[in-house]
Amino acid sequence: MIKEEINKNKQELKDYIYNKKWIEERLEDIKERRSLLNKITTTLSDMPKRKSKNNGY
């Protein structure tokens, strides 16, 4: 009975560590994507605007 509980607790700890690592990796990925999007947005904002024609566009 105690051995089963110990094994269950070990598995829960392994799952927790795995989930924590997975979350940290996802957060790092999100940070990298945010940085890339910010660079793209800055580049697009700095581009010259198209001159509009008086034809409704």
N, C-alpha and C. Protein backbone atom coordinates (compact mmCIF):
# COMPACT_ATOMS: atom_id res chain seq x y z
N MET A 1 0.83 -1.19 0.00
CA MET A 1 0.00 0.00 0.00
C MET A 1 0.87 1.25 0.00
N ILE A 2 1.86 1.29 0.86
CA ILE A 2 2.75 2.45 0.92
C ILE A 2 3.59 2.53 -0.34
N LYS A 3 4.02 1.39 -0.85
CA LYS A 3 4.83 1.38 -2.06
C LYS A 3 4.03 1.92 -3.25
N GLU A 4 2.76 1.56 -3.33
CA GLU A 4 1.90 2.07 -4.41
C GLU A 4 1.75 3.58 -4.30
N GLU A 5 1.60 4.07 -3.09
CA GLU A 5 1.46 5.51 -2.89
C GLU A 5 2.74 6.24 -3.26
N ILE A 6 3.87 5.65 -2.92
CA ILE A 6 5.16 6.25 -3.28
C ILE A 6 5.30 6.31 -4.80
N ASN A 7 4.96 5.22 -5.47
CA ASN A 7 5.05 5.19 -6.93
C ASN A 7 4.10 6.20 -7.56
N LYS A 8 2.92 6.33 -7.00
CA LYS A 8 1.95 7.31 -7.49
C LYS A 8 2.51 8.72 -7.32
N ASN A 9 3.09 9.01 -6.18
CA ASN A 9 3.68 10.32 -5.92
C ASN A 9 4.86 10.61 -6.84
N LYS A 10 5.65 9.58 -7.11
CA LYS A 10 6.78 9.73 -8.04
C LYS A 10 6.27 10.10 -9.43
N GLN A 11 5.21 9.42 -9.87
CA GLN A 11 4.66 9.69 -11.19
C GLN A 11 4.09 11.10 -11.25
N GLU A 12 3.40 11.52 -10.20
CA GLU A 12 2.86 12.87 -10.15
C GLU A 12 3.98 13.91 -10.23
N LEU A 13 5.07 13.66 -9.55
CA LEU A 13 6.22 14.57 -9.58
C LEU A 13 6.83 14.62 -10.97
N LYS A 14 6.97 13.47 -11.61
CA LYS A 14 7.49 13.44 -12.98
C LYS A 14 6.59 14.22 -13.92
N ASP A 15 5.27 14.02 -13.77
CA ASP A 15 4.32 14.74 -14.61
C ASP A 15 4.42 16.25 -14.37
N TYR A 16 4.54 16.63 -13.12
CA TYR A 16 4.66 18.05 -12.78
C TYR A 16 5.90 18.66 -13.42
N ILE A 17 7.02 17.97 -13.30
CA ILE A 17 8.28 18.48 -13.85
C ILE A 17 8.17 18.58 -15.38
N TYR A 18 7.58 17.56 -16.00
CA TYR A 18 7.41 17.59 -17.45
C TYR A 18 6.52 18.77 -17.86
N ASN A 19 5.41 18.94 -17.18
CA ASN A 19 4.49 20.04 -17.51
C ASN A 19 5.14 21.39 -17.29
N LYS A 20 5.91 21.53 -16.24
CA LYS A 20 6.59 22.79 -15.97
C LYS A 20 7.60 23.10 -17.08
N LYS A 21 8.35 22.09 -17.49
CA LYS A 21 9.32 22.28 -18.57
C LYS A 21 8.61 22.63 -19.88
N TRP A 22 7.50 21.96 -20.16
CA TRP A 22 6.74 22.22 -21.37
C TRP A 22 6.24 23.66 -21.38
N ILE A 23 5.71 24.13 -20.26
CA ILE A 23 5.21 25.50 -20.15
C ILE A 23 6.35 26.50 -20.35
N GLU A 24 7.49 26.24 -19.75
CA GLU A 24 8.63 27.14 -19.91
C GLU A 24 9.07 27.22 -21.36
N GLU A 25 9.06 26.09 -22.05
CA GLU A 25 9.43 26.09 -23.47
C GLU A 25 8.42 26.86 -24.30
N ARG A 26 7.15 26.71 -24.02
CA ARG A 26 6.11 27.46 -24.74
C ARG A 26 6.24 28.95 -24.49
N LEU A 27 6.53 29.33 -23.25
CA LEU A 27 6.71 30.76 -22.93
C LEU A 27 7.89 31.33 -23.70
N GLU A 28 8.97 30.59 -23.80
CA GLU A 28 10.14 31.04 -24.55
C GLU A 28 9.78 31.20 -26.03
N ASP A 29 9.03 30.25 -26.55
CA ASP A 29 8.59 30.32 -27.94
C ASP A 29 7.72 31.56 -28.17
N ILE A 30 6.83 31.83 -27.25
CA ILE A 30 5.96 33.00 -27.36
C ILE A 30 6.78 34.29 -27.33
N LYS A 31 7.78 34.34 -26.46
CA LYS A 31 8.64 35.53 -26.39
C LYS A 31 9.37 35.74 -27.71
N GLU A 32 9.88 34.66 -28.29
CA GLU A 32 10.59 34.78 -29.57
C GLU A 32 9.65 35.25 -30.68
N ARG A 33 8.45 34.71 -30.71
CA ARG A 33 7.47 35.11 -31.73
C ARG A 33 7.06 36.56 -31.55
N ARG A 34 6.88 36.98 -30.30
CA ARG A 34 6.51 38.38 -30.03
C ARG A 34 7.61 39.31 -30.52
N SER A 35 8.86 38.94 -30.25
CA SER A 35 9.98 39.76 -30.70
C SER A 35 10.00 39.86 -32.23
N LEU A 36 9.79 38.73 -32.89
CA LEU A 36 9.76 38.73 -34.36
C LEU A 36 8.61 39.60 -34.88
N LEU A 37 7.44 39.47 -34.28
CA LEU A 37 6.31 40.29 -34.71
C LEU A 37 6.57 41.77 -34.49
N ASN A 38 7.21 42.11 -33.40
CA ASN A 38 7.54 43.52 -33.15
C ASN A 38 8.50 44.05 -34.21
N LYS A 39 9.48 43.23 -34.59
CA LYS A 39 10.43 43.65 -35.63
C LYS A 39 9.71 43.84 -36.96
N ILE A 40 8.81 42.92 -37.29
CA ILE A 40 8.07 43.02 -38.55
C ILE A 40 7.19 44.26 -38.53
N THR A 41 6.50 44.49 -37.42
CA THR A 41 5.62 45.65 -37.31
C THR A 41 6.41 46.94 -37.43
N THR A 42 7.57 47.01 -36.80
CA THR A 42 8.41 48.20 -36.89
C THR A 42 8.85 48.42 -38.33
N THR A 43 9.25 47.35 -39.00
CA THR A 43 9.69 47.46 -40.39
C THR A 43 8.56 47.95 -41.28
N LEU A 44 7.38 47.39 -41.09
CA LEU A 44 6.24 47.80 -41.91
C LEU A 44 5.83 49.24 -41.60
N SER A 45 5.92 49.64 -40.35
CA SER A 45 5.55 51.01 -39.98
C SER A 45 6.52 52.02 -40.58
N ASP A 46 7.77 51.62 -40.75
CA ASP A 46 8.78 52.53 -41.29
C ASP A 46 8.77 52.60 -42.81
N MET A 47 8.03 51.74 -43.46
CA MET A 47 7.98 51.74 -44.92
C MET A 47 7.18 52.94 -45.41
N PRO A 48 7.58 53.47 -46.55
CA PRO A 48 6.81 54.61 -47.09
C PRO A 48 5.39 54.17 -47.45
N LYS A 49 4.48 55.09 -47.28
CA LYS A 49 3.07 54.80 -47.58
C LYS A 49 2.83 54.95 -49.08
N ARG A 50 1.90 54.18 -49.58
CA ARG A 50 1.53 54.27 -50.97
C ARG A 50 0.75 55.56 -51.20
N LYS A 51 1.08 56.24 -52.27
CA LYS A 51 0.36 57.45 -52.59
C LYS A 51 -1.02 57.06 -53.10
N SER A 52 -2.04 57.67 -52.53
CA SER A 52 -3.40 57.32 -52.93
C SER A 52 -3.79 58.06 -54.21
N LYS A 53 -4.58 57.38 -55.00
CA LYS A 53 -5.11 58.00 -56.22
C LYS A 53 -6.54 58.41 -55.92
N ASN A 54 -7.04 59.35 -56.62
CA ASN A 54 -8.40 59.84 -56.38
C ASN A 54 -9.43 58.98 -57.12
N ASN A 55 -9.30 57.67 -57.02
CA ASN A 55 -10.27 56.81 -57.67
C ASN A 55 -10.98 55.91 -56.64
N GLY A 56 -10.99 56.34 -55.42
CA GLY A 56 -11.72 55.61 -54.39
C GLY A 56 -10.96 54.50 -53.71
N TYR A 57 -9.71 54.33 -53.99
CA TYR A 57 -8.94 53.26 -53.37
C TYR A 57 -8.05 53.79 -52.29
